[in-house]
C-alpha atoms as a PDB file:
ATOM      1  CA  GLN A   1      90.705 106.762 111.970  1.00  0.00           C
ATOM      2  CA  VAL A   2      88.271 104.820 114.141  1.00  0.00           C
ATOM      3  CA  GLN A   3      87.110 106.535 117.307  1.00  0.00           C
ATOM      4  CA  LEU A   4      85.309 104.806 120.169  1.00  0.00           C
ATOM      5  CA  VAL A   5      83.425 106.593 122.927  1.00  0.00           C
ATOM      6  CA  GLU A   6      82.014 104.758 125.928  1.00  0.00           C
ATOM      7  CA  SER A   7      79.165 105.933 128.128  1.00  0.00           C
ATOM      8  CA  GLY A   8      76.904 104.598 130.843  1.00  0.00           C
ATOM      9  CA  GLY A   9      79.313 103.936 133.675  1.00  0.00           C
ATOM     10  CA  GLY A  10      78.409 104.819 137.221  1.00  0.00           C
ATOM     11  CA  SER A  11      77.847 103.520 140.709  1.00  0.00           C
ATOM     12  CA  VAL A  12      75.498 100.705 141.593  1.00  0.00           C
ATOM     13  CA  GLN A  13      74.885  98.420 144.532  1.00  0.00           C
ATOM     14  CA  THR A  14      75.705  94.747 144.541  1.00  0.00           C
ATOM     15  CA  GLY A  15      73.131  92.824 142.581  1.00  0.00           C
ATOM     16  CA  GLY A  16      72.178  95.844 140.513  1.00  0.00           C
ATOM     17  CA  SER A  17      72.376  96.476 136.785  1.00  0.00           C
ATOM     18  CA  LEU A  18      74.039  98.919 134.423  1.00  0.00           C
ATOM     19  CA  ILE A  19      74.125  99.337 130.669  1.00  0.00           C
ATOM     20  CA  LEU A  20      77.281 100.525 128.946  1.00  0.00           C
ATOM     21  CA  SER A  21      77.280 101.888 125.430  1.00  0.00           C
ATOM     22  CA  CYS A  22      79.995 102.426 122.866  1.00  0.00           C
ATOM     23  CA  ALA A  23      79.708 104.556 119.763  1.00  0.00           C
ATOM     24  CA  MET A  24      82.136 103.976 116.908  1.00  0.00           C
ATOM     25  CA  SER A  25      82.895 106.549 114.235  1.00  0.00           C
ATOM     26  CA  GLY A  26      85.340 106.732 111.365  1.00  0.00           C
ATOM     27  CA  GLY A  27      86.907 103.809 109.579  1.00  0.00           C
ATOM     28  CA  TYR A  28      85.077 101.552 107.188  1.00  0.00           C
ATOM     29  CA  SER A  29      81.588 100.091 107.524  1.00  0.00           C
ATOM     30  CA  GLY A  30      80.957  98.968 111.083  1.00  0.00           C
ATOM     31  CA  SER A  31      80.084  95.516 109.880  1.00  0.00           C
ATOM     32  CA  THR A  32      83.731  94.811 109.039  1.00  0.00           C
ATOM     33  CA  TYR A  33      84.875  95.229 112.621  1.00  0.00           C
ATOM     34  CA  LEU A  34      84.805  92.993 115.627  1.00  0.00           C
ATOM     35  CA  MET A  35      83.892  95.035 118.693  1.00  0.00           C
ATOM     36  CA  ALA A  36      84.670  94.064 122.235  1.00  0.00           C
ATOM     37  CA  TRP A  37      84.494  95.083 125.878  1.00  0.00           C
ATOM     38  CA  PHE A  38      87.488  94.890 128.151  1.00  0.00           C
ATOM     39  CA  ARG A  39      87.880  95.889 131.757  1.00  0.00           C
ATOM     40  CA  GLN A  40      90.591  96.643 134.216  1.00  0.00           C
ATOM     41  CA  THR A  41      89.705  95.932 137.801  1.00  0.00           C
ATOM     42  CA  PRO A  42      91.809  96.999 140.803  1.00  0.00           C
ATOM     43  CA  GLY A  43      94.967  94.956 141.138  1.00  0.00           C
ATOM     44  CA  LYS A  44      94.452  93.054 137.897  1.00  0.00           C
ATOM     45  CA  GLU A  45      95.568  93.358 134.324  1.00  0.00           C
ATOM     46  CA  ARG A  46      93.134  94.378 131.661  1.00  0.00           C
ATOM     47  CA  GLU A  47      90.943  91.446 130.647  1.00  0.00           C
ATOM     48  CA  GLY A  48      88.462  90.641 127.933  1.00  0.00           C
ATOM     49  CA  VAL A  49      84.794  90.693 128.906  1.00  0.00           C
ATOM     50  CA  ALA A  50      82.893  90.078 125.680  1.00  0.00           C
ATOM     51  CA  ALA A  51      83.509  90.194 121.950  1.00  0.00           C
ATOM     52  CA  VAL A  52      80.867  90.586 119.257  1.00  0.00           C
ATOM     53  CA  ASP A  53      81.748  89.673 115.718  1.00  0.00           C
ATOM     54  CA  SER A  54      80.387  91.383 112.635  1.00  0.00           C
ATOM     55  CA  ASP A  55      77.597  88.777 112.328  1.00  0.00           C
ATOM     56  CA  GLY A  56      76.511  89.282 115.931  1.00  0.00           C
ATOM     57  CA  THR A  57      78.143  86.122 117.287  1.00  0.00           C
ATOM     58  CA  THR A  58      79.284  86.800 120.824  1.00  0.00           C
ATOM     59  CA  SER A  59      81.803  85.270 123.188  1.00  0.00           C
ATOM     60  CA  TYR A  60      82.110  85.975 126.891  1.00  0.00           C
ATOM     61  CA  ALA A  61      84.662  85.623 129.619  1.00  0.00           C
ATOM     62  CA  ASP A  62      83.712  82.898 132.083  1.00  0.00           C
ATOM     63  CA  SER A  63      83.523  85.436 134.901  1.00  0.00           C
ATOM     64  CA  VAL A  64      80.569  87.246 133.300  1.00  0.00           C
ATOM     65  CA  LYS A  65      78.701  84.457 131.527  1.00  0.00           C
ATOM     66  CA  GLY A  66      75.045  84.437 132.456  1.00  0.00           C
ATOM     67  CA  ARG A  67      75.245  87.947 133.913  1.00  0.00           C
ATOM     68  CA  PHE A  68      76.423  90.171 131.076  1.00  0.00           C
ATOM     69  CA  THR A  69      74.981  90.463 127.581  1.00  0.00           C
ATOM     70  CA  ALA A  70      76.788  92.211 124.752  1.00  0.00           C
ATOM     71  CA  SER A  71      75.008  93.341 121.626  1.00  0.00           C
ATOM     72  CA  ARG A  72      75.752  95.520 118.656  1.00  0.00           C
ATOM     73  CA  ASP A  73      73.923  97.478 116.029  1.00  0.00           C
ATOM     74  CA  SER A  74      76.164  97.395 112.978  1.00  0.00           C
ATOM     75  CA  ALA A  75      73.983  99.871 111.129  1.00  0.00           C
ATOM     76  CA  LYS A  76      74.431 102.417 113.907  1.00  0.00           C
ATOM     77  CA  ASN A  77      77.997 101.356 114.762  1.00  0.00           C
ATOM     78  CA  THR A  78      77.157 100.908 118.414  1.00  0.00           C
ATOM     79  CA  LEU A  79      78.004  98.273 121.004  1.00  0.00           C
ATOM     80  CA  ALA A  80      76.205  97.749 124.279  1.00  0.00           C
ATOM     81  CA  LEU A  81      76.915  95.771 127.427  1.00  0.00           C
ATOM     82  CA  GLN A  82      74.003  94.911 129.696  1.00  0.00           C
ATOM     83  CA  MET A  83      75.418  94.050 133.097  1.00  0.00           C
ATOM     84  CA  ASN A  84      73.159  92.297 135.611  1.00  0.00           C
ATOM     85  CA  SER A  85      73.758  90.792 139.036  1.00  0.00           C
ATOM     86  CA  LEU A  86      76.769  93.001 139.471  1.00  0.00           C
ATOM     87  CA  LYS A  87      79.387  92.021 142.026  1.00  0.00           C
ATOM     88  CA  ARG A  88      81.978  94.104 143.815  1.00  0.00           C
ATOM     89  CA  GLU A  89      84.671  92.404 141.770  1.00  0.00           C
ATOM     90  CA  ASP A  90      83.107  93.858 138.619  1.00  0.00           C
ATOM     91  CA  THR A  91      84.296  97.285 139.740  1.00  0.00           C
ATOM     92  CA  GLY A  92      86.750  98.848 137.320  1.00  0.00           C
ATOM     93  CA  PHE A  93      87.236 100.736 134.114  1.00  0.00           C
ATOM     94  CA  TYR A  94      85.445  99.296 131.109  1.00  0.00           C
ATOM     95  CA  TYR A  95      86.838  99.865 127.653  1.00  0.00           C
ATOM     96  CA  CYS A  96      85.373  99.455 124.216  1.00  0.00           C
ATOM     97  CA  ALA A  97      87.726  98.186 121.532  1.00  0.00           C
ATOM     98  CA  ALA A  98      87.533  97.334 117.844  1.00  0.00           C
ATOM     99  CA  SER A  99      89.567  95.623 115.171  1.00  0.00           C
ATOM    100  CA  PRO A 100      88.871  94.386 111.666  1.00  0.00           C
ATOM    101  CA  THR A 101      87.159  91.056 112.047  1.00  0.00           C
ATOM    102  CA  LYS A 102      89.227  87.939 111.423  1.00  0.00           C
ATOM    103  CA  GLY A 103      86.829  85.105 112.152  1.00  0.00           C
ATOM    104  CA  PRO A 104      85.438  83.123 115.082  1.00  0.00           C
ATOM    105  CA  TRP A 105      88.786  81.755 116.209  1.00  0.00           C
ATOM    106  CA  TRP A 106      90.057  85.292 116.585  1.00  0.00           C
ATOM    107  CA  ARG A 107      86.972  86.388 118.538  1.00  0.00           C
ATOM    108  CA  LEU A 108      87.739  83.742 121.158  1.00  0.00           C
ATOM    109  CA  ARG A 109      91.318  84.943 121.374  1.00  0.00           C
ATOM    110  CA  VAL A 110      90.129  88.521 121.820  1.00  0.00           C
ATOM    111  CA  VAL A 111      88.053  87.553 124.853  1.00  0.00           C
ATOM    112  CA  ALA A 112      90.995  85.601 126.211  1.00  0.00           C
ATOM    113  CA  GLY A 113      93.140  88.708 125.874  1.00  0.00           C
ATOM    114  CA  GLN A 114      95.574  86.909 123.607  1.00  0.00           C
ATOM    115  CA  VAL A 115      95.550  89.305 120.663  1.00  0.00           C
ATOM    116  CA  PRO A 116      95.902  93.080 120.437  1.00  0.00           C
ATOM    117  CA  MET A 117      93.077  95.365 119.407  1.00  0.00           C
ATOM    118  CA  ASP A 118      93.588  98.190 116.959  1.00  0.00           C
ATOM    119  CA  TYR A 119      91.318 100.845 118.448  1.00  0.00           C
ATOM    120  CA  TRP A 120      90.381 101.713 122.000  1.00  0.00           C
ATOM    121  CA  GLY A 121      88.031 104.037 123.794  1.00  0.00           C
ATOM    122  CA  LYS A 122      89.086 105.982 126.850  1.00  0.00           C
ATOM    123  CA  GLY A 123      86.997 103.916 129.215  1.00  0.00           C
ATOM    124  CA  THR A 124      84.134 104.402 131.622  1.00  0.00           C
ATOM    125  CA  LEU A 125      84.185 103.657 135.345  1.00  0.00           C
ATOM    126  CA  VAL A 126      81.855 101.146 136.940  1.00  0.00           C
ATOM    127  CA  THR A 127      81.721 101.032 140.724  1.00  0.00           C
ATOM    128  CA  VAL A 128      79.836  98.292 142.535  1.00  0.00           C
ATOM    129  CA  SER A 129      79.423  98.657 146.269  1.00  0.00           C
ATOM    130  CA  SER A 130      77.620  96.703 148.937  1.00  0.00           C
END
């Protein structure tokens, strides 16, 4: 059974930066999974933020492009999200998720929130205030 644990959430002022981390355990080799970040902001449904495929190829939601950078270490089974130029609308719970990788077309659908993920972390709260 795959387990995902997020860390690194907290409070930051507008324009600041935070780094989120996700540690994956269990399951098969980490390289066979696509890992992704989702978030749920106040008043909105959960949305995809970034997805990183097993080869490191990454896709981002338009709302975070140029500000957020996702990266993974398949050997260590970890996923990170560097968040810069944070805005108040970035406030919310951020979740790490994973599923067996299915190819680039699927990665794009993950970010678009069009396909379900198999495993989820419990989330970490990010609060951005002015």
